[in-house]
């Protein structure tokens, strides 16, 4: 099992969780192919984190699956924008922490004893 963690990425955790839920439990090769053609900023970021987790364990993409993909909320950057009559309105710029675990497929080979029957 190998892990990869990306912290303080300037991405909304709510939007990133939608993508993370889709790929949990998928084969890593299929997950990377799905993310590559998803038109979303979160998909591009999660693609890189999964590729990093595969490289960290020096695995081959077709032999592993995404055990968990978790998106946690990071600190929120707070800014102000001017409004009418000298007031200010808050702008929230959320950040995320993305954590991915991958694991090797456990393929059990059936014994050849029962093939004779």
PDB file of N, CA and C in Angstrom:
ATOM      1  N   UNK A   1       0.846  -1.174   0.000  1.00  0.00           N
ATOM      2  CA  UNK A   1       0.000   0.000   0.000  1.00  0.00           C
ATOM      3  C   UNK A   1       0.893   1.239   0.000  1.00  0.00           C
ATOM      4  N   UNK A   2       0.528   2.199  -0.813  1.00  0.00           N
ATOM      5  CA  UNK A   2       1.272   3.452  -0.818  1.00  0.00           C
ATOM      6  C   UNK A   2       0.289   4.621  -0.744  1.00  0.00           C
ATOM      7  N   UNK A   3       0.830   5.777  -0.352  1.00  0.00           N
ATOM      8  CA  UNK A   3      -0.003   6.949  -0.108  1.00  0.00           C
ATOM      9  C   UNK A   3       0.585   8.161  -0.800  1.00  0.00           C
ATOM     10  N   UNK A   4      -0.266   9.137  -1.022  1.00  0.00           N
ATOM     11  CA  UNK A   4       0.167  10.448  -1.516  1.00  0.00           C
ATOM     12  C   UNK A   4      -0.742  11.498  -0.900  1.00  0.00           C
ATOM     13  N   UNK A   5      -0.161  12.633  -0.547  1.00  0.00           N
ATOM     14  CA  UNK A   5      -0.902  13.698   0.110  1.00  0.00           C
ATOM     15  C   UNK A   5      -0.542  15.029  -0.540  1.00  0.00           C
ATOM     16  N   UNK A   6      -1.550  15.768  -0.936  1.00  0.00           N
ATOM     17  CA  UNK A   6      -1.363  17.103  -1.481  1.00  0.00           C
ATOM     18  C   UNK A   6      -2.082  18.067  -0.556  1.00  0.00           C
ATOM     19  N   UNK A   7      -1.348  19.027  -0.020  1.00  0.00           N
ATOM     20  CA  UNK A   7      -1.929  19.934   0.962  1.00  0.00           C
ATOM     21  C   UNK A   7      -1.989  21.356   0.416  1.00  0.00           C
ATOM     22  N   UNK A   8      -2.943  22.113   0.932  1.00  0.00           N
ATOM     23  CA  UNK A   8      -3.122  23.535   0.649  1.00  0.00           C
ATOM     24  C   UNK A   8      -3.345  23.831  -0.831  1.00  0.00           C
ATOM     25  N   UNK A   9      -4.059  22.953  -1.522  1.00  0.00           N
ATOM     26  CA  UNK A   9      -4.370  23.220  -2.927  1.00  0.00           C
ATOM     27  C   UNK A   9      -5.558  24.171  -2.977  1.00  0.00           C
ATOM     28  N   UNK A  10      -5.490  25.165  -3.827  1.00  0.00           N
ATOM     29  CA  UNK A  10      -6.514  26.205  -3.907  1.00  0.00           C
ATOM     30  C   UNK A  10      -7.704  25.683  -4.717  1.00  0.00           C
ATOM     31  N   UNK A  11      -8.541  24.884  -4.033  1.00  0.00           N
ATOM     32  CA  UNK A  11      -9.648  24.173  -4.654  1.00  0.00           C
ATOM     33  C   UNK A  11     -10.720  23.958  -3.601  1.00  0.00           C
ATOM     34  N   UNK A  12     -11.958  24.109  -3.975  1.00  0.00           N
ATOM     35  CA  UNK A  12     -13.053  23.929  -3.032  1.00  0.00           C
ATOM     36  C   UNK A  12     -13.194  22.452  -2.661  1.00  0.00           C
ATOM     37  N   UNK A  13     -13.185  22.116  -1.360  1.00  0.00           N
ATOM     38  CA  UNK A  13     -13.306  20.705  -0.983  1.00  0.00           C
ATOM     39  C   UNK A  13     -14.651  20.100  -1.363  1.00  0.00           C
ATOM     40  N   UNK A  14     -15.700  20.894  -1.406  1.00  0.00           N
ATOM     41  CA  UNK A  14     -17.014  20.386  -1.786  1.00  0.00           C
ATOM     42  C   UNK A  14     -17.017  19.898  -3.232  1.00  0.00           C
ATOM     43  N   UNK A  15     -16.405  20.670  -4.116  1.00  0.00           N
ATOM     44  CA  UNK A  15     -16.353  20.288  -5.525  1.00  0.00           C
ATOM     45  C   UNK A  15     -15.396  19.122  -5.755  1.00  0.00           C
ATOM     46  N   UNK A  16     -14.312  19.078  -4.990  1.00  0.00           N
ATOM     47  CA  UNK A  16     -13.337  18.002  -5.152  1.00  0.00           C
ATOM     48  C   UNK A  16     -13.879  16.668  -4.640  1.00  0.00           C
ATOM     49  N   UNK A  17     -14.731  16.699  -3.619  1.00  0.00           N
ATOM     50  CA  UNK A  17     -15.298  15.458  -3.082  1.00  0.00           C
ATOM     51  C   UNK A  17     -16.192  14.743  -4.084  1.00  0.00           C
ATOM     52  N   UNK A  18     -16.845  15.500  -4.946  1.00  0.00           N
ATOM     53  CA  UNK A  18     -17.687  14.885  -5.974  1.00  0.00           C
ATOM     54  C   UNK A  18     -16.859  13.976  -6.881  1.00  0.00           C
ATOM     55  N   UNK A  19     -15.671  14.424  -7.231  1.00  0.00           N
ATOM     56  CA  UNK A  19     -14.787  13.637  -8.092  1.00  0.00           C
ATOM     57  C   UNK A  19     -14.155  12.489  -7.299  1.00  0.00           C
ATOM     58  N   UNK A  20     -13.776  12.750  -6.059  1.00  0.00           N
ATOM     59  CA  UNK A  20     -13.110  11.734  -5.240  1.00  0.00           C
ATOM     60  C   UNK A  20     -14.016  10.539  -4.975  1.00  0.00           C
ATOM     61  N   UNK A  21     -15.300  10.782  -4.798  1.00  0.00           N
ATOM     62  CA  UNK A  21     -16.239   9.683  -4.540  1.00  0.00           C
ATOM     63  C   UNK A  21     -16.401   8.785  -5.755  1.00  0.00           C
ATOM     64  N   UNK A  22     -16.283   9.347  -6.947  1.00  0.00           N
ATOM     65  CA  UNK A  22     -16.453   8.567  -8.166  1.00  0.00           C
ATOM     66  C   UNK A  22     -15.360   7.523  -8.352  1.00  0.00           C
ATOM     67  N   UNK A  23     -14.140   7.848  -7.932  1.00  0.00           N
ATOM     68  CA  UNK A  23     -13.015   6.962  -8.250  1.00  0.00           C
ATOM     69  C   UNK A  23     -12.648   6.016  -7.117  1.00  0.00           C
ATOM     70  N   UNK A  24     -13.265   6.145  -5.960  1.00  0.00           N
ATOM     71  CA  UNK A  24     -12.941   5.240  -4.853  1.00  0.00           C
ATOM     72  C   UNK A  24     -13.285   3.805  -5.227  1.00  0.00           C
ATOM     73  N   UNK A  25     -12.335   2.905  -4.982  1.00  0.00           N
ATOM     74  CA  UNK A  25     -12.549   1.492  -5.271  1.00  0.00           C
ATOM     75  C   UNK A  25     -12.275   1.109  -6.710  1.00  0.00           C
ATOM     76  N   UNK A  26     -11.978   2.072  -7.571  1.00  0.00           N
ATOM     77  CA  UNK A  26     -11.709   1.791  -8.985  1.00  0.00           C
ATOM     78  C   UNK A  26     -10.296   1.254  -9.171  1.00  0.00           C
ATOM     79  N   UNK A  27     -10.114   0.536 -10.260  1.00  0.00           N
ATOM     80  CA  UNK A  27      -8.769   0.180 -10.697  1.00  0.00           C
ATOM     81  C   UNK A  27      -8.039   1.485 -11.009  1.00  0.00           C
ATOM     82  N   UNK A  28      -6.774   1.581 -10.659  1.00  0.00           N
ATOM     83  CA  UNK A  28      -6.034   2.829 -10.816  1.00  0.00           C
ATOM     84  C   UNK A  28      -5.925   3.248 -12.280  1.00  0.00           C
ATOM     85  N   UNK A  29      -5.749   2.289 -13.163  1.00  0.00           N
ATOM     86  CA  UNK A  29      -5.638   2.607 -14.588  1.00  0.00           C
ATOM     87  C   UNK A  29      -6.952   3.183 -15.112  1.00  0.00           C
ATOM     88  N   UNK A  30      -8.068   2.594 -14.698  1.00  0.00           N
ATOM     89  CA  UNK A  30      -9.387   3.082 -15.105  1.00  0.00           C
ATOM     90  C   UNK A  30      -9.682   4.447 -14.479  1.00  0.00           C
ATOM     91  N   UNK A  31      -9.259   4.635 -13.230  1.00  0.00           N
ATOM     92  CA  UNK A  31      -9.467   5.918 -12.555  1.00  0.00           C
ATOM     93  C   UNK A  31      -8.688   7.029 -13.252  1.00  0.00           C
ATOM     94  N   UNK A  32      -7.452   6.754 -13.636  1.00  0.00           N
ATOM     95  CA  UNK A  32      -6.644   7.761 -14.339  1.00  0.00           C
ATOM     96  C   UNK A  32      -7.253   8.106 -15.697  1.00  0.00           C
ATOM     97  N   UNK A  33      -7.762   7.088 -16.403  1.00  0.00           N
ATOM     98  CA  UNK A  33      -8.389   7.332 -17.702  1.00  0.00           C
ATOM     99  C   UNK A  33      -9.669   8.147 -17.547  1.00  0.00           C
ATOM    100  N   UNK A  34     -10.430   7.875 -16.500  1.00  0.00           N
ATOM    101  CA  UNK A  34     -11.664   8.625 -16.249  1.00  0.00           C
ATOM    102  C   UNK A  34     -11.355  10.075 -15.913  1.00  0.00           C
ATOM    103  N   UNK A  35     -10.366  10.284 -15.056  1.00  0.00           N
ATOM    104  CA  UNK A  35     -10.020  11.639 -14.633  1.00  0.00           C
ATOM    105  C   UNK A  35      -9.423  12.468 -15.762  1.00  0.00           C
ATOM    106  N   UNK A  36      -8.738  11.797 -16.668  1.00  0.00           N
ATOM    107  CA  UNK A  36      -8.087  12.511 -17.762  1.00  0.00           C
ATOM    108  C   UNK A  36      -9.101  13.232 -18.654  1.00  0.00           C
ATOM    109  N   UNK A  37     -10.287  12.642 -18.810  1.00  0.00           N
ATOM    110  CA  UNK A  37     -11.296  13.218 -19.696  1.00  0.00           C
ATOM    111  C   UNK A  37     -12.444  13.881 -18.941  1.00  0.00           C
ATOM    112  N   UNK A  38     -12.260  14.125 -17.649  1.00  0.00           N
ATOM    113  CA  UNK A  38     -13.261  14.846 -16.878  1.00  0.00           C
ATOM    114  C   UNK A  38     -12.899  16.333 -16.907  1.00  0.00           C
ATOM    115  N   UNK A  39     -13.801  17.185 -17.418  1.00  0.00           N
ATOM    116  CA  UNK A  39     -13.481  18.610 -17.550  1.00  0.00           C
ATOM    117  C   UNK A  39     -13.691  19.367 -16.239  1.00  0.00           C
ATOM    118  N   UNK A  40     -12.771  19.186 -15.315  1.00  0.00           N
ATOM    119  CA  UNK A  40     -12.933  19.757 -13.987  1.00  0.00           C
ATOM    120  C   UNK A  40     -11.538  20.017 -13.419  1.00  0.00           C
ATOM    121  N   UNK A  41     -11.373  21.095 -12.693  1.00  0.00           N
ATOM    122  CA  UNK A  41     -10.077  21.394 -12.083  1.00  0.00           C
ATOM    123  C   UNK A  41      -9.708  20.323 -11.054  1.00  0.00           C
ATOM    124  N   UNK A  42     -10.686  19.869 -10.297  1.00  0.00           N
ATOM    125  CA  UNK A  42     -10.441  18.855  -9.271  1.00  0.00           C
ATOM    126  C   UNK A  42      -9.953  17.554  -9.898  1.00  0.00           C
ATOM    127  N   UNK A  43     -10.458  17.208 -11.066  1.00  0.00           N
ATOM    128  CA  UNK A  43     -10.055  15.970 -11.739  1.00  0.00           C
ATOM    129  C   UNK A  43      -8.580  16.000 -12.109  1.00  0.00           C
ATOM    130  N   UNK A  44      -8.100  17.140 -12.572  1.00  0.00           N
ATOM    131  CA  UNK A  44      -6.687  17.258 -12.945  1.00  0.00           C
ATOM    132  C   UNK A  44      -5.779  17.119 -11.722  1.00  0.00           C
ATOM    133  N   UNK A  45      -6.211  17.712 -10.613  1.00  0.00           N
ATOM    134  CA  UNK A  45      -5.409  17.669  -9.390  1.00  0.00           C
ATOM    135  C   UNK A  45      -5.390  16.253  -8.807  1.00  0.00           C
ATOM    136  N   UNK A  46      -6.545  15.603  -8.747  1.00  0.00           N
ATOM    137  CA  UNK A  46      -6.627  14.249  -8.194  1.00  0.00           C
ATOM    138  C   UNK A  46      -5.883  13.265  -9.092  1.00  0.00           C
ATOM    139  N   UNK A  47      -5.889  13.490 -10.400  1.00  0.00           N
ATOM    140  CA  UNK A  47      -5.116  12.661 -11.326  1.00  0.00           C
ATOM    141  C   UNK A  47      -3.638  12.660 -10.936  1.00  0.00           C
ATOM    142  N   UNK A  48      -3.105  13.857 -10.653  1.00  0.00           N
ATOM    143  CA  UNK A  48      -1.690  13.966 -10.301  1.00  0.00           C
ATOM    144  C   UNK A  48      -1.380  13.295  -8.967  1.00  0.00           C
ATOM    145  N   UNK A  49      -2.324  13.371  -8.018  1.00  0.00           N
ATOM    146  CA  UNK A  49      -2.098  12.753  -6.709  1.00  0.00           C
ATOM    147  C   UNK A  49      -2.109  11.229  -6.834  1.00  0.00           C
ATOM    148  N   UNK A  50      -3.014  10.675  -7.634  1.00  0.00           N
ATOM    149  CA  UNK A  50      -3.049   9.221  -7.838  1.00  0.00           C
ATOM    150  C   UNK A  50      -1.789   8.755  -8.550  1.00  0.00           C
ATOM    151  N   UNK A  51      -1.353   9.506  -9.561  1.00  0.00           N
ATOM    152  CA  UNK A  51      -0.117   9.155 -10.268  1.00  0.00           C
ATOM    153  C   UNK A  51       1.078   9.192  -9.316  1.00  0.00           C
ATOM    154  N   UNK A  52       1.079  10.128  -8.393  1.00  0.00           N
ATOM    155  CA  UNK A  52       2.149  10.225  -7.403  1.00  0.00           C
ATOM    156  C   UNK A  52       2.125   9.043  -6.447  1.00  0.00           C
ATOM    157  N   UNK A  53       0.927   8.618  -6.028  1.00  0.00           N
ATOM    158  CA  UNK A  53       0.811   7.471  -5.124  1.00  0.00           C
ATOM    159  C   UNK A  53       1.285   6.195  -5.800  1.00  0.00           C
ATOM    160  N   UNK A  54       0.999   6.051  -7.089  1.00  0.00           N
ATOM    161  CA  UNK A  54       1.466   4.881  -7.842  1.00  0.00           C
ATOM    162  C   UNK A  54       2.987   4.895  -7.933  1.00  0.00           C
ATOM    163  N   UNK A  55       3.551   6.060  -8.198  1.00  0.00           N
ATOM    164  CA  UNK A  55       5.005   6.184  -8.298  1.00  0.00           C
ATOM    165  C   UNK A  55       5.680   5.982  -6.944  1.00  0.00           C
ATOM    166  N   UNK A  56       5.030   6.421  -5.857  1.00  0.00           N
ATOM    167  CA  UNK A  56       5.610   6.251  -4.524  1.00  0.00           C
ATOM    168  C   UNK A  56       5.780   4.774  -4.168  1.00  0.00           C
ATOM    169  N   UNK A  57       4.839   3.940  -4.594  1.00  0.00           N
ATOM    170  CA  UNK A  57       4.931   2.512  -4.313  1.00  0.00           C
ATOM    171  C   UNK A  57       5.629   1.741  -5.405  1.00  0.00           C
ATOM    172  N   UNK A  58       6.051   2.422  -6.455  1.00  0.00           N
ATOM    173  CA  UNK A  58       6.666   1.835  -7.658  1.00  0.00           C
ATOM    174  C   UNK A  58       5.837   0.657  -8.170  1.00  0.00           C
ATOM    175  N   UNK A  59       4.524   0.907  -8.309  1.00  0.00           N
ATOM    176  CA  UNK A  59       3.593  -0.085  -8.830  1.00  0.00           C
ATOM    177  C   UNK A  59       3.324   0.181 -10.300  1.00  0.00           C
ATOM    178  N   UNK A  60       2.640  -0.771 -10.917  1.00  0.00           N
ATOM    179  CA  UNK A  60       2.128  -0.595 -12.262  1.00  0.00           C
ATOM    180  C   UNK A  60       0.644  -0.253 -12.134  1.00  0.00           C
ATOM    181  N   UNK A  61       0.136   0.663 -12.932  1.00  0.00           N
ATOM    182  CA  UNK A  61      -1.220   1.187 -12.749  1.00  0.00           C
ATOM    183  C   UNK A  61      -2.300   0.122 -12.893  1.00  0.00           C
ATOM    184  N   UNK A  62      -2.053  -0.910 -13.713  1.00  0.00           N
ATOM    185  CA  UNK A  62      -3.105  -1.913 -13.907  1.00  0.00           C
ATOM    186  C   UNK A  62      -3.166  -2.937 -12.778  1.00  0.00           C
ATOM    187  N   UNK A  63      -2.165  -2.959 -11.891  1.00  0.00           N
ATOM    188  CA  UNK A  63      -2.134  -3.943 -10.810  1.00  0.00           C
ATOM    189  C   UNK A  63      -2.601  -3.405  -9.468  1.00  0.00           C
ATOM    190  N   UNK A  64      -3.063  -2.168  -9.417  1.00  0.00           N
ATOM    191  CA  UNK A  64      -3.469  -1.567  -8.140  1.00  0.00           C
ATOM    192  C   UNK A  64      -4.858  -0.951  -8.268  1.00  0.00           C
ATOM    193  N   UNK A  65      -5.482  -0.695  -7.127  1.00  0.00           N
ATOM    194  CA  UNK A  65      -6.762  -0.007  -7.107  1.00  0.00           C
ATOM    195  C   UNK A  65      -6.728   1.098  -6.070  1.00  0.00           C
ATOM    196  N   UNK A  66      -7.630   2.049  -6.204  1.00  0.00           N
ATOM    197  CA  UNK A  66      -7.701   3.191  -5.295  1.00  0.00           C
ATOM    198  C   UNK A  66      -8.466   2.742  -4.058  1.00  0.00           C
ATOM    199  N   UNK A  67      -7.738   2.544  -2.966  1.00  0.00           N
ATOM    200  CA  UNK A  67      -8.368   2.088  -1.727  1.00  0.00           C
ATOM    201  C   UNK A  67      -9.203   3.205  -1.112  1.00  0.00           C
ATOM    202  N   UNK A  68      -8.638   4.411  -1.009  1.00  0.00           N
ATOM    203  CA  UNK A  68      -9.408   5.549  -0.509  1.00  0.00           C
ATOM    204  C   UNK A  68      -8.887   6.831  -1.134  1.00  0.00           C
ATOM    205  N   UNK A  69      -9.802   7.749  -1.324  1.00  0.00           N
ATOM    206  CA  UNK A  69      -9.484   9.082  -1.819  1.00  0.00           C
ATOM    207  C   UNK A  69     -10.274  10.046  -0.952  1.00  0.00           C
ATOM    208  N   UNK A  70      -9.562  10.792  -0.149  1.00  0.00           N
ATOM    209  CA  UNK A  70     -10.207  11.648   0.841  1.00  0.00           C
ATOM    210  C   UNK A  70      -9.845  13.107   0.568  1.00  0.00           C
ATOM    211  N   UNK A  71     -10.834  13.978   0.660  1.00  0.00           N
ATOM    212  CA  UNK A  71     -10.617  15.416   0.482  1.00  0.00           C
ATOM    213  C   UNK A  71     -11.041  16.110   1.766  1.00  0.00           C
ATOM    214  N   UNK A  72     -10.088  16.701   2.456  1.00  0.00           N
ATOM    215  CA  UNK A  72     -10.359  17.422   3.696  1.00  0.00           C
ATOM    216  C   UNK A  72     -10.262  18.926   3.432  1.00  0.00           C
ATOM    217  N   UNK A  73     -10.947  19.681   4.255  1.00  0.00           N
ATOM    218  CA  UNK A  73     -10.921  21.137   4.115  1.00  0.00           C
ATOM    219  C   UNK A  73      -9.649  21.694   4.730  1.00  0.00           C
ATOM    220  N   UNK A  74      -9.024  22.605   4.022  1.00  0.00           N
ATOM    221  CA  UNK A  74      -7.851  23.296   4.533  1.00  0.00           C
ATOM    222  C   UNK A  74      -8.262  24.666   5.050  1.00  0.00           C
ATOM    223  N   UNK A  75      -7.306  25.515   5.336  1.00  0.00           N
ATOM    224  CA  UNK A  75      -7.648  26.862   5.793  1.00  0.00           C
ATOM    225  C   UNK A  75      -8.300  27.681   4.677  1.00  0.00           C
ATOM    226  N   UNK A  76      -9.137  28.628   5.075  1.00  0.00           N
ATOM    227  CA  UNK A  76      -9.839  29.474   4.114  1.00  0.00           C
ATOM    228  C   UNK A  76      -9.151  30.836   4.074  1.00  0.00           C
ATOM    229  N   UNK A  77      -8.778  31.269   2.858  1.00  0.00           N
ATOM    230  CA  UNK A  77      -8.202  32.602   2.688  1.00  0.00           C
ATOM    231  C   UNK A  77      -9.355  33.595   2.663  1.00  0.00           C
ATOM    232  N   UNK A  78      -9.305  34.579   3.534  1.00  0.00           N
ATOM    233  CA  UNK A  78     -10.394  35.550   3.608  1.00  0.00           C
ATOM    234  C   UNK A  78      -9.937  36.884   3.016  1.00  0.00           C
ATOM    235  N   UNK A  79     -10.700  37.376   2.066  1.00  0.00           N
ATOM    236  CA  UNK A  79     -10.413  38.622   1.392  1.00  0.00           C
ATOM    237  C   UNK A  79     -11.661  39.508   1.452  1.00  0.00           C
ATOM    238  N   UNK A  80     -11.497  40.775   1.082  1.00  0.00           N
ATOM    239  CA  UNK A  80     -12.631  41.711   1.067  1.00  0.00           C
ATOM    240  C   UNK A  80     -12.746  42.331  -0.323  1.00  0.00           C
ATOM    241  N   UNK A  81     -13.970  42.601  -0.739  1.00  0.00           N
ATOM    242  CA  UNK A  81     -14.221  43.321  -1.979  1.00  0.00           C
ATOM    243  C   UNK A  81     -15.065  44.554  -1.656  1.00  0.00           C
ATOM    244  N   UNK A  82     -14.763  45.687  -2.284  1.00  0.00           N
ATOM    245  CA  UNK A  82     -15.535  46.890  -1.988  1.00  0.00           C
ATOM    246  C   UNK A  82     -16.970  46.797  -2.506  1.00  0.00           C
ATOM    247  N   UNK A  83     -17.862  47.345  -1.739  1.00  0.00           N
ATOM    248  CA  UNK A  83     -19.276  47.405  -2.108  1.00  0.00           C
ATOM    249  C   UNK A  83     -19.760  48.853  -1.993  1.00  0.00           C
ATOM    250  N   UNK A  84     -21.026  49.053  -2.235  1.00  0.00           N
ATOM    251  CA  UNK A  84     -21.589  50.399  -2.246  1.00  0.00           C
ATOM    252  C   UNK A  84     -21.550  51.039  -0.866  1.00  0.00           C
ATOM    253  N   UNK A  85     -21.473  52.366  -0.857  1.00  0.00           N
ATOM    254  CA  UNK A  85     -21.548  53.190   0.349  1.00  0.00           C
ATOM    255  C   UNK A  85     -20.414  52.887   1.338  1.00  0.00           C
ATOM    256  N   UNK A  86     -19.253  52.559   0.803  1.00  0.00           N
ATOM    257  CA  UNK A  86     -18.077  52.391   1.645  1.00  0.00           C
ATOM    258  C   UNK A  86     -18.015  51.091   2.427  1.00  0.00           C
ATOM    259  N   UNK A  87     -18.865  50.151   2.094  1.00  0.00           N
ATOM    260  CA  UNK A  87     -18.863  48.880   2.812  1.00  0.00           C
ATOM    261  C   UNK A  87     -17.946  47.889   2.110  1.00  0.00           C
ATOM    262  N   UNK A  88     -17.734  46.783   2.789  1.00  0.00           N
ATOM    263  CA  UNK A  88     -16.942  45.700   2.206  1.00  0.00           C
ATOM    264  C   UNK A  88     -17.678  44.380   2.367  1.00  0.00           C
ATOM    265  N   UNK A  89     -17.510  43.509   1.400  1.00  0.00           N
ATOM    266  CA  UNK A  89     -18.127  42.187   1.469  1.00  0.00           C
ATOM    267  C   UNK A  89     -17.019  41.134   1.471  1.00  0.00           C
ATOM    268  N   UNK A  90     -17.203  40.075   2.250  1.00  0.00           N
ATOM    269  CA  UNK A  90     -16.149  39.052   2.334  1.00  0.00           C
ATOM    270  C   UNK A  90     -16.092  38.168   1.087  1.00  0.00           C
ATOM    271  N   UNK A  91     -14.883  37.738   0.758  1.00  0.00           N
ATOM    272  CA  UNK A  91     -14.645  36.732  -0.276  1.00  0.00           C
ATOM    273  C   UNK A  91     -13.946  35.579   0.413  1.00  0.00           C
ATOM    274  N   UNK A  92     -14.488  34.372   0.251  1.00  0.00           N
ATOM    275  CA  UNK A  92     -13.875  33.184   0.849  1.00  0.00           C
ATOM    276  C   UNK A  92     -13.174  32.389  -0.242  1.00  0.00           C
ATOM    277  N   UNK A  93     -11.896  32.094  -0.044  1.00  0.00           N
ATOM    278  CA  UNK A  93     -11.136  31.291  -1.002  1.00  0.00           C
ATOM    279  C   UNK A  93     -10.698  30.019  -0.290  1.00  0.00           C
ATOM    280  N   UNK A  94     -11.473  28.939  -0.417  1.00  0.00           N
ATOM    281  CA  UNK A  94     -11.186  27.714   0.329  1.00  0.00           C
ATOM    282  C   UNK A  94      -9.992  26.952  -0.239  1.00  0.00           C
ATOM    283  N   UNK A  95      -9.327  26.190   0.620  1.00  0.00           N
ATOM    284  CA  UNK A  95      -8.243  25.298   0.202  1.00  0.00           C
ATOM    285  C   UNK A  95      -8.584  23.878   0.646  1.00  0.00           C
ATOM    286  N   UNK A  96      -7.867  22.908   0.080  1.00  0.00           N
ATOM    287  CA  UNK A  96      -8.145  21.498   0.339  1.00  0.00           C
ATOM    288  C   UNK A  96      -6.867  20.736   0.592  1.00  0.00           C
ATOM    289  N   UNK A  97      -7.018  19.609   1.295  1.00  0.00           N
ATOM    290  CA  UNK A  97      -5.966  18.612   1.442  1.00  0.00           C
ATOM    291  C   UNK A  97      -6.494  17.325   0.807  1.00  0.00           C
ATOM    292  N   UNK A  98      -5.760  16.772  -0.155  1.00  0.00           N
ATOM    293  CA  UNK A  98      -6.199  15.564  -0.859  1.00  0.00           C
ATOM    294  C   UNK A  98      -5.276  14.413  -0.466  1.00  0.00           C
ATOM    295  N   UNK A  99      -5.876  13.318   0.016  1.00  0.00           N
ATOM    296  CA  UNK A  99      -5.143  12.146   0.497  1.00  0.00           C
ATOM    297  C   UNK A  99      -5.607  10.923  -0.288  1.00  0.00           C
ATOM    298  N   UNK A 100      -4.666  10.211  -0.917  1.00  0.00           N
ATOM    299  CA  UNK A 100      -4.993   9.036  -1.727  1.00  0.00           C
ATOM    300  C   UNK A 100      -4.185   7.848  -1.237  1.00  0.00           C
ATOM    301  N   UNK A 101      -4.860   6.707  -1.063  1.00  0.00           N
ATOM    302  CA  UNK A 101      -4.207   5.441  -0.738  1.00  0.00           C
ATOM    303  C   UNK A 101      -4.494   4.459  -1.864  1.00  0.00           C
ATOM    304  N   UNK A 102      -3.450   3.780  -2.317  1.00  0.00           N
ATOM    305  CA  UNK A 102      -3.656   2.727  -3.308  1.00  0.00           C
ATOM    306  C   UNK A 102      -3.120   1.428  -2.744  1.00  0.00           C
ATOM    307  N   UNK A 103      -3.683   0.323  -3.229  1.00  0.00           N
ATOM    308  CA  UNK A 103      -3.305  -0.996  -2.730  1.00  0.00           C
ATOM    309  C   UNK A 103      -3.261  -1.968  -3.893  1.00  0.00           C
ATOM    310  N   UNK A 104      -2.414  -2.975  -3.770  1.00  0.00           N
ATOM    311  CA  UNK A 104      -2.304  -3.988  -4.809  1.00  0.00           C
ATOM    312  C   UNK A 104      -3.533  -4.872  -4.824  1.00  0.00           C
ATOM    313  N   UNK A 105      -3.891  -5.365  -6.022  1.00  0.00           N
ATOM    314  CA  UNK A 105      -4.999  -6.299  -6.139  1.00  0.00           C
ATOM    315  C   UNK A 105      -4.589  -7.634  -5.535  1.00  0.00           C
ATOM    316  N   UNK A 106      -5.470  -8.183  -4.724  1.00  0.00           N
ATOM    317  CA  UNK A 106      -5.223  -9.503  -4.132  1.00  0.00           C
ATOM    318  C   UNK A 106      -5.958 -10.539  -4.980  1.00  0.00           C
ATOM    319  N   UNK A 107      -5.249 -11.142  -5.925  1.00  0.00           N
ATOM    320  CA  UNK A 107      -5.872 -12.166  -6.764  1.00  0.00           C
ATOM    321  C   UNK A 107      -5.502 -13.530  -6.204  1.00  0.00           C
ATOM    322  N   UNK A 108      -6.508 -14.278  -5.893  1.00  0.00           N
ATOM    323  CA  UNK A 108      -6.278 -15.622  -5.365  1.00  0.00           C
ATOM    324  C   UNK A 108      -6.483 -16.620  -6.485  1.00  0.00           C
ATOM    325  N   UNK A 109      -5.514 -17.469  -6.688  1.00  0.00           N
ATOM    326  CA  UNK A 109      -5.604 -18.485  -7.732  1.00  0.00           C
ATOM    327  C   UNK A 109      -6.283 -19.728  -7.149  1.00  0.00           C
ATOM    328  N   UNK A 110      -7.241 -20.248  -7.898  1.00  0.00           N
ATOM    329  CA  UNK A 110      -7.943 -21.438  -7.429  1.00  0.00           C
ATOM    330  C   UNK A 110      -7.051 -22.647  -7.661  1.00  0.00           C
ATOM    331  N   UNK A 111      -7.169 -23.594  -6.751  1.00  0.00           N
ATOM    332  CA  UNK A 111      -6.330 -24.790  -6.853  1.00  0.00           C
ATOM    333  C   UNK A 111      -6.800 -25.652  -8.012  1.00  0.00           C
ATOM    334  N   UNK A 112      -5.887 -26.417  -8.564  1.00  0.00           N
ATOM    335  CA  UNK A 112      -6.192 -27.250  -9.724  1.00  0.00           C
ATOM    336  C   UNK A 112      -6.750 -28.616  -9.296  1.00  0.00           C
ATOM    337  N   UNK A 113      -6.947 -28.835  -8.019  1.00  0.00           N
ATOM    338  CA  UNK A 113      -7.474 -30.124  -7.548  1.00  0.00           C
ATOM    339  C   UNK A 113      -8.909 -30.340  -7.989  1.00  0.00           C
ATOM    340  N   UNK A 114      -9.711 -29.287  -8.013  1.00  0.00           N
ATOM    341  CA  UNK A 114     -11.126 -29.424  -8.353  1.00  0.00           C
ATOM    342  C   UNK A 114     -11.378 -29.450  -9.857  1.00  0.00           C
ATOM    343  N   UNK A 115     -10.386 -29.207 -10.665  1.00  0.00           N
ATOM    344  CA  UNK A 115     -10.570 -29.195 -12.118  1.00  0.00           C
ATOM    345  C   UNK A 115     -10.762 -30.605 -12.681  1.00  0.00           C
ATOM    346  N   UNK A 116     -10.235 -31.626 -11.995  1.00  0.00           N
ATOM    347  CA  UNK A 116     -10.343 -32.992 -12.500  1.00  0.00           C
ATOM    348  C   UNK A 116     -11.768 -33.527 -12.416  1.00  0.00           C
ATOM    349  N   UNK A 117     -12.572 -32.993 -11.508  1.00  0.00           N
ATOM    350  CA  UNK A 117     -13.920 -33.530 -11.300  1.00  0.00           C
ATOM    351  C   UNK A 117     -14.909 -33.064 -12.315  1.00  0.00           C
TER     352      UNK A 117
END
